[in-house]
Amino acid sequence: MFAYSLRRIAHLVPVLLGLTLVVFFIIRAIPGNPAQLILGQLATKDAIKALTIQLGLDQPWYLQFFHYLGGLLKGDLGVSLRTKEPISQEVWPYLAATIELSFCAMLIAVVVGVNAGIISSWFQNSWFDYIAMVLALIGISMPIFWLGLMEQWVFAINLDWLPTAGREEVRDPITAITNIYMIDTLIQGRTDQFWEVIKHLILPSLALATIPMAIIARITRSTMLEVMRSDFIRTARAKGLRMFWVVYKHSLKNAVIPVLTIIGLQTGLLLGGAILTETIFSWPGIGRYIYEAIGYRDYPVVQSGILIIALIFVLINLIVDLLYAAIDPRIKYR
């Protein structure tokens, strides 16, 4: 397995290099001069030209690319054209916010989706099965931006149960240590702030969890139905085992591989696809960070942000592949 892991990690190099090259050209194909956007509409041509030279944007594209690539090889993600801050330092608070949101969303999606799929397969063609699968279809089809707005309208505006936006109570700001606020509040022993963080997480997490929850429920149901028709399940039931243990211990263990695959893919997609949720709920995540950088034509931020998301996505899928062998002893990697 160790040799397999090294090969998979080696395969990351051409994938990330190709992605870097594609993003490099696409972002520069967008009309607009970063120097013009930074200085504003009233800037003179001389000022724009001077800033363009200062930022190195007057150089040929291949020199810009090799300068950026050389920095990556040294572990340097570059400097933001707009804020003049190193991206490696600037990006972490945004990435931490997205990780926290995605973790909570996937926790909801996995717990609800897997159990809904299991119960639907257990009571196939029952009223619960029909309702769960209809709700799963609605969850896949429902636009996240509409769901987010409806959540705000119902739970924040009409009922006044939960906050509409942000990560924290602005009148009692959190002292950032790891920038993952659930951890930071517990480290400092601030349980009041911890519950405020949870309250701010509920609505965006539910909105973001809708699609993966529905997909996980449908995949779990289909794989469980296939496994529960197997001979070893009939044997287990014939021995008098309780149905709960037959379903959750024997059936789920043999049906978990496809479910685990979907969970890994959806986790990676959440990290890069949370921009709508982050925008609606004013969540300062990496999706909004990259989106705002595109508006300012901040090339290094866009390139580095997408590269980070791609790297996390690939690593998550590597972890999922390695978990296959840990769960199913019949799977061997060489």
C-alpha atoms as a PDB file:
ATOM      1  CA  MET A   1       0.000   0.000   0.000  1.00  0.00           C
ATOM      2  CA  PHE A   2       2.921   2.334   0.708  1.00  0.00           C
ATOM      3  CA  ALA A   3       4.248   1.903  -2.849  1.00  0.00           C
ATOM      4  CA  TYR A   4       0.758   2.506  -4.230  1.00  0.00           C
ATOM      5  CA  SER A   5       0.457   5.706  -2.189  1.00  0.00           C
ATOM      6  CA  LEU A   6       3.793   6.974  -3.509  1.00  0.00           C
ATOM      7  CA  ARG A   7       2.719   6.289  -7.092  1.00  0.00           C
ATOM      8  CA  ARG A   8      -0.550   8.129  -6.576  1.00  0.00           C
ATOM      9  CA  ILE A   9       1.258  11.088  -5.032  1.00  0.00           C
ATOM     10  CA  ALA A  10       3.705  11.103  -7.978  1.00  0.00           C
ATOM     11  CA  HIS A  11       0.738  11.231 -10.347  1.00  0.00           C
ATOM     12  CA  LEU A  12      -0.348  14.454  -8.657  1.00  0.00           C
ATOM     13  CA  VAL A  13       2.554  16.360 -10.201  1.00  0.00           C
ATOM     14  CA  PRO A  14       1.425  16.292 -13.891  1.00  0.00           C
ATOM     15  CA  VAL A  15      -2.217  16.771 -12.859  1.00  0.00           C
ATOM     16  CA  LEU A  16      -1.496  19.890 -10.815  1.00  0.00           C
ATOM     17  CA  LEU A  17       0.966  21.195 -13.404  1.00  0.00           C
ATOM     18  CA  GLY A  18      -1.632  20.846 -16.171  1.00  0.00           C
ATOM     19  CA  LEU A  19      -4.273  22.499 -14.009  1.00  0.00           C
ATOM     20  CA  THR A  20      -1.934  25.374 -13.208  1.00  0.00           C
ATOM     21  CA  LEU A  21      -1.256  25.935 -16.910  1.00  0.00           C
ATOM     22  CA  VAL A  22      -4.965  25.864 -17.836  1.00  0.00           C
ATOM     23  CA  VAL A  23      -5.948  28.280 -15.065  1.00  0.00           C
ATOM     24  CA  PHE A  24      -3.011  30.544 -15.970  1.00  0.00           C
ATOM     25  CA  PHE A  25      -4.328  31.024 -19.500  1.00  0.00           C
ATOM     26  CA  ILE A  26      -8.030  31.174 -18.640  1.00  0.00           C
ATOM     27  CA  ILE A  27      -7.651  33.916 -16.025  1.00  0.00           C
ATOM     28  CA  ARG A  28      -5.579  36.006 -18.437  1.00  0.00           C
ATOM     29  CA  ALA A  29      -8.180  35.596 -21.145  1.00  0.00           C
ATOM     30  CA  ILE A  30     -10.663  37.586 -19.028  1.00  0.00           C
ATOM     31  CA  PRO A  31     -10.789  41.207 -20.252  1.00  0.00           C
ATOM     32  CA  GLY A  32      -9.433  43.832 -17.913  1.00  0.00           C
ATOM     33  CA  ASN A  33      -6.136  45.151 -16.603  1.00  0.00           C
ATOM     34  CA  PRO A  34      -5.395  44.428 -12.925  1.00  0.00           C
ATOM     35  CA  ALA A  35      -3.498  47.717 -12.627  1.00  0.00           C
ATOM     36  CA  GLN A  36      -6.549  49.630 -13.910  1.00  0.00           C
ATOM     37  CA  LEU A  37      -8.858  47.862 -11.447  1.00  0.00           C
ATOM     38  CA  ILE A  38      -6.504  48.438  -8.518  1.00  0.00           C
ATOM     39  CA  LEU A  39      -5.984  52.155  -9.229  1.00  0.00           C
ATOM     40  CA  GLY A  40      -9.568  52.901 -10.263  1.00  0.00           C
ATOM     41  CA  GLN A  41     -11.199  54.567 -13.227  1.00  0.00           C
ATOM     42  CA  LEU A  42      -9.607  57.986 -12.579  1.00  0.00           C
ATOM     43  CA  ALA A  43      -6.024  56.696 -12.777  1.00  0.00           C
ATOM     44  CA  THR A  44      -3.763  58.172 -15.423  1.00  0.00           C
ATOM     45  CA  LYS A  45      -2.179  56.097 -18.182  1.00  0.00           C
ATOM     46  CA  ASP A  46       1.284  56.717 -16.756  1.00  0.00           C
ATOM     47  CA  ALA A  47       0.226  55.476 -13.326  1.00  0.00           C
ATOM     48  CA  ILE A  48      -1.388  52.363 -14.849  1.00  0.00           C
ATOM     49  CA  LYS A  49       1.720  51.678 -16.945  1.00  0.00           C
ATOM     50  CA  ALA A  50       4.013  52.102 -13.929  1.00  0.00           C
ATOM     51  CA  LEU A  51       1.930  49.728 -11.799  1.00  0.00           C
ATOM     52  CA  THR A  52       1.757  47.197 -14.649  1.00  0.00           C
ATOM     53  CA  ILE A  53       5.557  47.153 -14.835  1.00  0.00           C
ATOM     54  CA  GLN A  54       5.827  46.974 -11.034  1.00  0.00           C
ATOM     55  CA  LEU A  55       3.523  43.934 -10.953  1.00  0.00           C
ATOM     56  CA  GLY A  56       5.460  42.240 -13.727  1.00  0.00           C
ATOM     57  CA  LEU A  57       2.429  42.097 -16.015  1.00  0.00           C
ATOM     58  CA  ASP A  58       4.350  43.667 -18.895  1.00  0.00           C
ATOM     59  CA  GLN A  59       6.491  40.558 -19.256  1.00  0.00           C
ATOM     60  CA  PRO A  60       5.717  37.836 -21.846  1.00  0.00           C
ATOM     61  CA  TRP A  61       3.235  35.187 -20.654  1.00  0.00           C
ATOM     62  CA  TYR A  62       5.823  32.400 -20.582  1.00  0.00           C
ATOM     63  CA  LEU A  63       8.118  34.398 -18.280  1.00  0.00           C
ATOM     64  CA  GLN A  64       5.199  35.118 -15.957  1.00  0.00           C
ATOM     65  CA  PHE A  65       4.284  31.421 -15.943  1.00  0.00           C
ATOM     66  CA  PHE A  66       7.819  30.217 -15.215  1.00  0.00           C
ATOM     67  CA  HIS A  67       8.242  32.810 -12.470  1.00  0.00           C
ATOM     68  CA  TYR A  68       5.029  31.576 -10.852  1.00  0.00           C
ATOM     69  CA  LEU A  69       6.005  27.924 -11.340  1.00  0.00           C
ATOM     70  CA  GLY A  70       9.452  28.556  -9.854  1.00  0.00           C
ATOM     71  CA  GLY A  71       7.836  30.070  -6.791  1.00  0.00           C
ATOM     72  CA  LEU A  72       5.544  27.044  -6.415  1.00  0.00           C
ATOM     73  CA  LEU A  73       8.528  24.695  -6.459  1.00  0.00           C
ATOM     74  CA  LYS A  74       9.947  26.691  -3.542  1.00  0.00           C
ATOM     75  CA  GLY A  75       6.617  26.562  -1.687  1.00  0.00           C
ATOM     76  CA  ASP A  76       5.808  30.195  -2.494  1.00  0.00           C
ATOM     77  CA  LEU A  77       2.220  30.782  -3.675  1.00  0.00           C
ATOM     78  CA  GLY A  78       3.008  34.340  -4.671  1.00  0.00           C
ATOM     79  CA  VAL A  79       1.805  37.748  -3.524  1.00  0.00           C
ATOM     80  CA  SER A  80      -1.669  39.186  -3.999  1.00  0.00           C
ATOM     81  CA  LEU A  81      -1.677  41.984  -6.565  1.00  0.00           C
ATOM     82  CA  ARG A  82      -4.404  43.810  -4.644  1.00  0.00           C
ATOM     83  CA  THR A  83      -3.383  43.496  -0.978  1.00  0.00           C
ATOM     84  CA  LYS A  84       0.374  42.967  -1.465  1.00  0.00           C
ATOM     85  CA  GLU A  85       0.200  40.189   1.170  1.00  0.00           C
ATOM     86  CA  PRO A  86       1.760  36.721   0.739  1.00  0.00           C
ATOM     87  CA  ILE A  87      -0.997  34.377  -0.403  1.00  0.00           C
ATOM     88  CA  SER A  88       0.280  31.528   1.786  1.00  0.00           C
ATOM     89  CA  GLN A  89      -0.522  33.666   4.857  1.00  0.00           C
ATOM     90  CA  GLU A  90      -3.618  35.371   3.497  1.00  0.00           C
ATOM     91  CA  VAL A  91      -5.452  32.279   2.225  1.00  0.00           C
ATOM     92  CA  TRP A  92      -5.560  30.181   5.411  1.00  0.00           C
ATOM     93  CA  PRO A  93      -8.359  32.070   7.263  1.00  0.00           C
ATOM     94  CA  TYR A  94     -10.572  31.752   4.159  1.00  0.00           C
ATOM     95  CA  LEU A  95      -9.676  28.097   3.642  1.00  0.00           C
ATOM     96  CA  ALA A  96     -10.291  27.351   7.336  1.00  0.00           C
ATOM     97  CA  ALA A  97     -13.759  28.918   7.105  1.00  0.00           C
ATOM     98  CA  THR A  98     -14.631  26.731   4.105  1.00  0.00           C
ATOM     99  CA  ILE A  99     -13.220  23.609   5.774  1.00  0.00           C
ATOM    100  CA  GLU A 100     -15.336  24.266   8.872  1.00  0.00           C
ATOM    101  CA  LEU A 101     -18.477  24.831   6.799  1.00  0.00           C
ATOM    102  CA  SER A 102     -17.835  21.830   4.530  1.00  0.00           C
ATOM    103  CA  PHE A 103     -17.123  19.549   7.500  1.00  0.00           C
ATOM    104  CA  CYS A 104     -20.422  20.440   9.180  1.00  0.00           C
ATOM    105  CA  ALA A 105     -22.319  20.104   5.887  1.00  0.00           C
ATOM    106  CA  MET A 106     -20.820  16.676   5.150  1.00  0.00           C
ATOM    107  CA  LEU A 107     -21.463  15.534   8.734  1.00  0.00           C
ATOM    108  CA  ILE A 108     -25.154  16.331   8.272  1.00  0.00           C
ATOM    109  CA  ALA A 109     -25.190  14.811   4.775  1.00  0.00           C
ATOM    110  CA  VAL A 110     -23.530  11.551   5.851  1.00  0.00           C
ATOM    111  CA  VAL A 111     -25.527  11.004   9.054  1.00  0.00           C
ATOM    112  CA  VAL A 112     -28.908  11.809   7.498  1.00  0.00           C
ATOM    113  CA  GLY A 113     -28.216  10.468   4.001  1.00  0.00           C
ATOM    114  CA  VAL A 114     -26.757   7.101   5.031  1.00  0.00           C
ATOM    115  CA  ASN A 115     -29.451   6.403   7.602  1.00  0.00           C
ATOM    116  CA  ALA A 116     -32.232   7.499   5.259  1.00  0.00           C
ATOM    117  CA  GLY A 117     -30.867   5.172   2.571  1.00  0.00           C
ATOM    118  CA  ILE A 118     -30.554   2.268   5.025  1.00  0.00           C
ATOM    119  CA  ILE A 119     -34.084   2.665   6.379  1.00  0.00           C
ATOM    120  CA  SER A 120     -35.488   3.050   2.854  1.00  0.00           C
ATOM    121  CA  SER A 121     -33.862  -0.222   1.792  1.00  0.00           C
ATOM    122  CA  TRP A 122     -34.919  -1.928   5.026  1.00  0.00           C
ATOM    123  CA  PHE A 123     -38.563  -0.913   4.478  1.00  0.00           C
ATOM    124  CA  GLN A 124     -38.553  -1.011   0.685  1.00  0.00           C
ATOM    125  CA  ASN A 125     -41.742   0.278  -0.982  1.00  0.00           C
ATOM    126  CA  SER A 126     -43.057   1.591   2.340  1.00  0.00           C
ATOM    127  CA  TRP A 127     -44.356   5.101   2.923  1.00  0.00           C
ATOM    128  CA  PHE A 128     -40.978   6.083   4.414  1.00  0.00           C
ATOM    129  CA  ASP A 129     -39.167   4.802   1.313  1.00  0.00           C
ATOM    130  CA  TYR A 130     -41.387   6.799  -1.044  1.00  0.00           C
ATOM    131  CA  ILE A 131     -41.188   9.998   1.005  1.00  0.00           C
ATOM    132  CA  ALA A 132     -37.408   9.723   1.491  1.00  0.00           C
ATOM    133  CA  MET A 133     -36.714   9.178  -2.211  1.00  0.00           C
ATOM    134  CA  VAL A 134     -39.049  12.007  -3.254  1.00  0.00           C
ATOM    135  CA  LEU A 135     -37.285  14.334  -0.797  1.00  0.00           C
ATOM    136  CA  ALA A 136     -33.924  13.133  -2.142  1.00  0.00           C
ATOM    137  CA  LEU A 137     -35.035  13.967  -5.694  1.00  0.00           C
ATOM    138  CA  ILE A 138     -36.182  17.405  -4.545  1.00  0.00           C
ATOM    139  CA  GLY A 139     -32.877  17.911  -2.711  1.00  0.00           C
ATOM    140  CA  ILE A 140     -30.854  17.164  -5.845  1.00  0.00           C
ATOM    141  CA  SER A 141     -33.046  19.439  -7.993  1.00  0.00           C
ATOM    142  CA  MET A 142     -33.406  22.372  -5.595  1.00  0.00           C
ATOM    143  CA  PRO A 143     -31.162  25.396  -6.304  1.00  0.00           C
ATOM    144  CA  ILE A 144     -28.931  26.142  -3.326  1.00  0.00           C
ATOM    145  CA  PHE A 145     -29.322  29.909  -3.673  1.00  0.00           C
ATOM    146  CA  TRP A 146     -33.129  29.609  -3.421  1.00  0.00           C
ATOM    147  CA  LEU A 147     -32.949  27.239  -0.450  1.00  0.00           C
ATOM    148  CA  GLY A 148     -30.506  29.542   1.332  1.00  0.00           C
ATOM    149  CA  LEU A 149     -32.759  32.554   0.859  1.00  0.00           C
ATOM    150  CA  MET A 150     -35.807  30.582   2.079  1.00  0.00           C
ATOM    151  CA  GLU A 151     -33.873  29.470   5.173  1.00  0.00           C
ATOM    152  CA  GLN A 152     -33.003  33.078   5.958  1.00  0.00           C
ATOM    153  CA  TRP A 153     -36.583  34.213   5.394  1.00  0.00           C
ATOM    154  CA  VAL A 154     -38.126  31.515   7.612  1.00  0.00           C
ATOM    155  CA  PHE A 155     -35.610  30.893  10.402  1.00  0.00           C
ATOM    156  CA  ALA A 156     -33.783  34.227  10.615  1.00  0.00           C
ATOM    157  CA  ILE A 157     -36.326  36.874   9.624  1.00  0.00           C
ATOM    158  CA  ASN A 158     -39.754  35.433  10.529  1.00  0.00           C
ATOM    159  CA  LEU A 159     -38.884  33.174  13.487  1.00  0.00           C
ATOM    160  CA  ASP A 160     -35.702  34.999  14.569  1.00  0.00           C
ATOM    161  CA  TRP A 161     -34.132  31.730  15.698  1.00  0.00           C
ATOM    162  CA  LEU A 162     -30.812  31.909  13.875  1.00  0.00           C
ATOM    163  CA  PRO A 163     -28.504  34.615  12.467  1.00  0.00           C
ATOM    164  CA  THR A 164     -28.716  35.447   8.780  1.00  0.00           C
ATOM    165  CA  ALA A 165     -25.024  35.740   7.926  1.00  0.00           C
ATOM    166  CA  GLY A 166     -21.409  35.678   9.076  1.00  0.00           C
ATOM    167  CA  ARG A 167     -19.354  33.293  11.227  1.00  0.00           C
ATOM    168  CA  GLU A 168     -19.535  34.993  14.636  1.00  0.00           C
ATOM    169  CA  GLU A 169     -21.313  37.534  16.761  1.00  0.00           C
ATOM    170  CA  VAL A 170     -19.827  40.869  15.626  1.00  0.00           C
ATOM    171  CA  ARG A 171     -20.252  42.400  19.101  1.00  0.00           C
ATOM    172  CA  ASP A 172     -18.160  39.605  20.631  1.00  0.00           C
ATOM    173  CA  PRO A 173     -15.433  38.753  18.096  1.00  0.00           C
ATOM    174  CA  ILE A 174     -13.477  35.513  18.394  1.00  0.00           C
ATOM    175  CA  THR A 175      -9.734  35.557  18.931  1.00  0.00           C
ATOM    176  CA  ALA A 176      -8.434  33.437  16.058  1.00  0.00           C
ATOM    177  CA  ILE A 177      -5.873  30.741  16.866  1.00  0.00           C
ATOM    178  CA  THR A 178      -6.419  28.061  14.221  1.00  0.00           C
ATOM    179  CA  ASN A 179      -9.091  30.133  12.382  1.00  0.00           C
ATOM    180  CA  ILE A 180     -11.453  27.161  12.764  1.00  0.00           C
ATOM    181  CA  TYR A 181     -13.778  28.878  15.184  1.00  0.00           C
ATOM    182  CA  MET A 182     -15.318  25.762  16.771  1.00  0.00           C
ATOM    183  CA  ILE A 183     -11.829  24.714  17.854  1.00  0.00           C
ATOM    184  CA  ASP A 184     -10.704  28.219  18.818  1.00  0.00           C
ATOM    185  CA  THR A 185     -13.658  28.810  21.126  1.00  0.00           C
ATOM    186  CA  LEU A 186     -13.135  25.466  22.875  1.00  0.00           C
ATOM    187  CA  ILE A 187      -9.400  26.134  23.311  1.00  0.00           C
ATOM    188  CA  GLN A 188     -10.227  29.431  25.015  1.00  0.00           C
ATOM    189  CA  GLY A 189     -13.003  27.871  27.097  1.00  0.00           C
ATOM    190  CA  ARG A 190     -15.643  30.198  25.624  1.00  0.00           C
ATOM    191  CA  THR A 191     -18.692  27.925  25.450  1.00  0.00           C
ATOM    192  CA  ASP A 192     -20.948  30.952  24.851  1.00  0.00           C
ATOM    193  CA  GLN A 193     -18.983  31.803  21.703  1.00  0.00           C
ATOM    194  CA  PHE A 194     -18.952  28.117  20.702  1.00  0.00           C
ATOM    195  CA  TRP A 195     -22.744  28.005  20.632  1.00  0.00           C
ATOM    196  CA  GLU A 196     -22.816  31.262  18.687  1.00  0.00           C
ATOM    197  CA  VAL A 197     -20.517  29.661  16.098  1.00  0.00           C
ATOM    198  CA  ILE A 198     -22.832  26.629  15.913  1.00  0.00           C
ATOM    199  CA  LYS A 199     -25.851  28.906  15.420  1.00  0.00           C
ATOM    200  CA  HIS A 200     -24.086  30.702  12.561  1.00  0.00           C
ATOM    201  CA  LEU A 201     -23.174  27.342  10.997  1.00  0.00           C
ATOM    202  CA  ILE A 202     -26.636  25.740  10.994  1.00  0.00           C
ATOM    203  CA  LEU A 203     -28.297  27.500   8.054  1.00  0.00           C
ATOM    204  CA  PRO A 204     -25.351  27.505   5.597  1.00  0.00           C
ATOM    205  CA  SER A 205     -24.491  23.904   6.540  1.00  0.00           C
ATOM    206  CA  LEU A 206     -28.051  22.741   5.877  1.00  0.00           C
ATOM    207  CA  ALA A 207     -28.135  24.547   2.545  1.00  0.00           C
ATOM    208  CA  LEU A 208     -24.767  23.141   1.489  1.00  0.00           C
ATOM    209  CA  ALA A 209     -25.609  19.617   2.707  1.00  0.00           C
ATOM    210  CA  THR A 210     -28.798  19.276   0.657  1.00  0.00           C
ATOM    211  CA  ILE A 211     -27.347  17.925  -2.607  1.00  0.00           C
ATOM    212  CA  PRO A 212     -24.739  15.524  -1.120  1.00  0.00           C
ATOM    213  CA  MET A 213     -27.331  14.316   1.401  1.00  0.00           C
ATOM    214  CA  ALA A 214     -29.754  13.427  -1.383  1.00  0.00           C
ATOM    215  CA  ILE A 215     -27.074  11.710  -3.493  1.00  0.00           C
ATOM    216  CA  ILE A 216     -25.732   9.711  -0.533  1.00  0.00           C
ATOM    217  CA  ALA A 217     -29.264   8.586   0.419  1.00  0.00           C
ATOM    218  CA  ARG A 218     -30.034   7.323  -3.084  1.00  0.00           C
ATOM    219  CA  ILE A 219     -26.678   5.542  -3.493  1.00  0.00           C
ATOM    220  CA  THR A 220     -26.947   3.963  -0.029  1.00  0.00           C
ATOM    221  CA  ARG A 221     -30.446   2.671  -0.771  1.00  0.00           C
ATOM    222  CA  SER A 222     -29.489   1.127  -4.114  1.00  0.00           C
ATOM    223  CA  THR A 223     -26.336  -0.586  -2.798  1.00  0.00           C
ATOM    224  CA  MET A 224     -28.074  -1.813   0.352  1.00  0.00           C
ATOM    225  CA  LEU A 225     -30.912  -3.333  -1.675  1.00  0.00           C
ATOM    226  CA  GLU A 226     -28.381  -5.251  -3.750  1.00  0.00           C
ATOM    227  CA  VAL A 227     -26.471  -6.527  -0.705  1.00  0.00           C
ATOM    228  CA  MET A 228     -29.598  -7.481   1.248  1.00  0.00           C
ATOM    229  CA  ARG A 229     -30.558  -9.909  -1.527  1.00  0.00           C
ATOM    230  CA  SER A 230     -27.271 -11.803  -1.045  1.00  0.00           C
ATOM    231  CA  ASP A 231     -27.070 -15.358   0.292  1.00  0.00           C
ATOM    232  CA  PHE A 232     -25.030 -14.465   3.387  1.00  0.00           C
ATOM    233  CA  ILE A 233     -27.726 -11.987   4.472  1.00  0.00           C
ATOM    234  CA  ARG A 234     -30.419 -14.649   4.146  1.00  0.00           C
ATOM    235  CA  THR A 235     -28.187 -17.005   6.147  1.00  0.00           C
ATOM    236  CA  ALA A 236     -27.714 -14.387   8.878  1.00  0.00           C
ATOM    237  CA  ARG A 237     -31.454 -13.867   9.114  1.00  0.00           C
ATOM    238  CA  ALA A 238     -32.059 -17.625   9.150  1.00  0.00           C
ATOM    239  CA  LYS A 239     -29.731 -17.910  12.161  1.00  0.00           C
ATOM    240  CA  GLY A 240     -32.062 -15.622  14.070  1.00  0.00           C
ATOM    241  CA  LEU A 241     -29.946 -12.466  14.164  1.00  0.00           C
ATOM    242  CA  ARG A 242     -31.864  -9.295  14.919  1.00  0.00           C
ATOM    243  CA  MET A 243     -32.701  -7.307  11.796  1.00  0.00           C
ATOM    244  CA  PHE A 244     -30.902  -4.252  13.182  1.00  0.00           C
ATOM    245  CA  TRP A 245     -27.574  -6.116  13.359  1.00  0.00           C
ATOM    246  CA  VAL A 246     -28.143  -7.751   9.964  1.00  0.00           C
ATOM    247  CA  VAL A 247     -28.652  -4.346   8.362  1.00  0.00           C
ATOM    248  CA  TYR A 248     -26.096  -2.181  10.184  1.00  0.00           C
ATOM    249  CA  LYS A 249     -23.331  -4.725  10.760  1.00  0.00           C
ATOM    250  CA  HIS A 250     -23.430  -7.177   7.855  1.00  0.00           C
ATOM    251  CA  SER A 251     -25.235  -5.338   5.046  1.00  0.00           C
ATOM    252  CA  LEU A 252     -23.756  -1.874   5.565  1.00  0.00           C
ATOM    253  CA  LYS A 253     -20.196  -3.194   5.805  1.00  0.00           C
ATOM    254  CA  ASN A 254     -20.519  -4.802   2.365  1.00  0.00           C
ATOM    255  CA  ALA A 255     -22.350  -1.840   0.818  1.00  0.00           C
ATOM    256  CA  VAL A 256     -20.085   0.909   2.126  1.00  0.00           C
ATOM    257  CA  ILE A 257     -17.530   1.045  -0.737  1.00  0.00           C
ATOM    258  CA  PRO A 258     -19.769   2.865  -3.302  1.00  0.00           C
ATOM    259  CA  VAL A 259     -21.100   5.099  -0.517  1.00  0.00           C
ATOM    260  CA  LEU A 260     -17.570   5.975   0.586  1.00  0.00           C
ATOM    261  CA  THR A 261     -16.683   6.878  -3.005  1.00  0.00           C
ATOM    262  CA  ILE A 262     -19.600   9.302  -3.223  1.00  0.00           C
ATOM    263  CA  ILE A 263     -18.749  10.818   0.154  1.00  0.00           C
ATOM    264  CA  GLY A 264     -15.161  11.461  -0.966  1.00  0.00           C
ATOM    265  CA  LEU A 265     -16.238  13.041  -4.256  1.00  0.00           C
ATOM    266  CA  GLN A 266     -18.893  15.197  -2.621  1.00  0.00           C
ATOM    267  CA  THR A 267     -16.462  16.387   0.075  1.00  0.00           C
ATOM    268  CA  GLY A 268     -14.027  17.564  -2.579  1.00  0.00           C
ATOM    269  CA  LEU A 269     -16.819  19.252  -4.539  1.00  0.00           C
ATOM    270  CA  LEU A 270     -18.078  21.074  -1.447  1.00  0.00           C
ATOM    271  CA  LEU A 271     -14.692  22.699  -0.866  1.00  0.00           C
ATOM    272  CA  GLY A 272     -14.669  24.223  -4.344  1.00  0.00           C
ATOM    273  CA  GLY A 273     -18.375  24.618  -4.952  1.00  0.00           C
ATOM    274  CA  ALA A 274     -19.506  26.437  -1.808  1.00  0.00           C
ATOM    275  CA  ILE A 275     -19.336  29.873  -3.407  1.00  0.00           C
ATOM    276  CA  LEU A 276     -23.127  30.310  -3.693  1.00  0.00           C
ATOM    277  CA  THR A 277     -23.666  29.368  -0.066  1.00  0.00           C
ATOM    278  CA  GLU A 278     -20.761  31.563   1.053  1.00  0.00           C
ATOM    279  CA  THR A 279     -22.146  34.517  -0.911  1.00  0.00           C
ATOM    280  CA  ILE A 280     -25.725  34.183   0.382  1.00  0.00           C
ATOM    281  CA  PHE A 281     -24.672  33.816   4.015  1.00  0.00           C
ATOM    282  CA  SER A 282     -21.698  36.232   3.812  1.00  0.00           C
ATOM    283  CA  TRP A 283     -19.395  33.384   4.771  1.00  0.00           C
ATOM    284  CA  PRO A 284     -15.729  34.451   4.360  1.00  0.00           C
ATOM    285  CA  GLY A 285     -14.604  31.236   2.654  1.00  0.00           C
ATOM    286  CA  ILE A 286     -12.162  30.446  -0.102  1.00  0.00           C
ATOM    287  CA  GLY A 287     -14.911  30.435  -2.723  1.00  0.00           C
ATOM    288  CA  ARG A 288     -15.697  34.087  -2.094  1.00  0.00           C
ATOM    289  CA  TYR A 289     -11.976  34.812  -1.810  1.00  0.00           C
ATOM    290  CA  ILE A 290     -11.352  33.472  -5.318  1.00  0.00           C
ATOM    291  CA  TYR A 291     -14.512  35.087  -6.688  1.00  0.00           C
ATOM    292  CA  GLU A 292     -13.463  38.529  -5.466  1.00  0.00           C
ATOM    293  CA  ALA A 293      -9.946  37.942  -6.812  1.00  0.00           C
ATOM    294  CA  ILE A 294     -11.409  37.225 -10.266  1.00  0.00           C
ATOM    295  CA  GLY A 295     -13.210  40.566 -10.128  1.00  0.00           C
ATOM    296  CA  TYR A 296      -9.908  42.350  -9.452  1.00  0.00           C
ATOM    297  CA  ARG A 297      -7.991  40.163 -11.943  1.00  0.00           C
ATOM    298  CA  ASP A 298      -5.739  39.145  -9.059  1.00  0.00           C
ATOM    299  CA  TYR A 299      -3.997  36.400 -11.034  1.00  0.00           C
ATOM    300  CA  PRO A 300      -1.782  34.898  -8.294  1.00  0.00           C
ATOM    301  CA  VAL A 301      -4.727  34.558  -5.875  1.00  0.00           C
ATOM    302  CA  VAL A 302      -6.955  32.847  -8.440  1.00  0.00           C
ATOM    303  CA  GLN A 303      -4.197  30.478  -9.567  1.00  0.00           C
ATOM    304  CA  SER A 304      -3.108  29.570  -6.043  1.00  0.00           C
ATOM    305  CA  GLY A 305      -6.662  29.261  -4.709  1.00  0.00           C
ATOM    306  CA  ILE A 306      -7.736  26.855  -7.439  1.00  0.00           C
ATOM    307  CA  LEU A 307      -4.492  24.915  -7.040  1.00  0.00           C
ATOM    308  CA  ILE A 308      -5.123  24.489  -3.296  1.00  0.00           C
ATOM    309  CA  ILE A 309      -8.686  23.261  -3.896  1.00  0.00           C
ATOM    310  CA  ALA A 310      -7.491  20.825  -6.564  1.00  0.00           C
ATOM    311  CA  LEU A 311      -4.771  19.497  -4.273  1.00  0.00           C
ATOM    312  CA  ILE A 312      -7.265  18.920  -1.437  1.00  0.00           C
ATOM    313  CA  PHE A 313      -9.699  17.248  -3.841  1.00  0.00           C
ATOM    314  CA  VAL A 314      -7.062  14.810  -5.101  1.00  0.00           C
ATOM    315  CA  LEU A 315      -5.794  14.053  -1.589  1.00  0.00           C
ATOM    316  CA  ILE A 316      -9.322  13.306  -0.372  1.00  0.00           C
ATOM    317  CA  ASN A 317      -9.775  10.820  -3.206  1.00  0.00           C
ATOM    318  CA  LEU A 318      -6.408   9.225  -2.346  1.00  0.00           C
ATOM    319  CA  ILE A 319      -7.540   8.798   1.266  1.00  0.00           C
ATOM    320  CA  VAL A 320     -10.797   7.232   0.068  1.00  0.00           C
ATOM    321  CA  ASP A 321      -8.879   4.770  -2.112  1.00  0.00           C
ATOM    322  CA  LEU A 322      -6.710   3.763   0.833  1.00  0.00           C
ATOM    323  CA  LEU A 323      -9.786   3.316   3.028  1.00  0.00           C
ATOM    324  CA  TYR A 324     -11.108   0.725   0.575  1.00  0.00           C
ATOM    325  CA  ALA A 325      -8.358  -1.693   1.591  1.00  0.00           C
ATOM    326  CA  ALA A 326      -8.863  -0.942   5.277  1.00  0.00           C
ATOM    327  CA  ILE A 327     -12.588  -1.712   5.044  1.00  0.00           C
ATOM    328  CA  ASP A 328     -12.537  -4.615   2.593  1.00  0.00           C
ATOM    329  CA  PRO A 329      -9.617  -7.093   3.064  1.00  0.00           C
ATOM    330  CA  ARG A 330     -10.256  -8.475  -0.448  1.00  0.00           C
ATOM    331  CA  ILE A 331      -8.886  -5.241  -1.930  1.00  0.00           C
ATOM    332  CA  LYS A 332      -5.106  -5.255  -2.241  1.00  0.00           C
ATOM    333  CA  TYR A 333      -2.842  -2.473  -3.528  1.00  0.00           C
ATOM    334  CA  ARG A 334       0.614  -3.221  -4.884  1.00  0.00           C
END
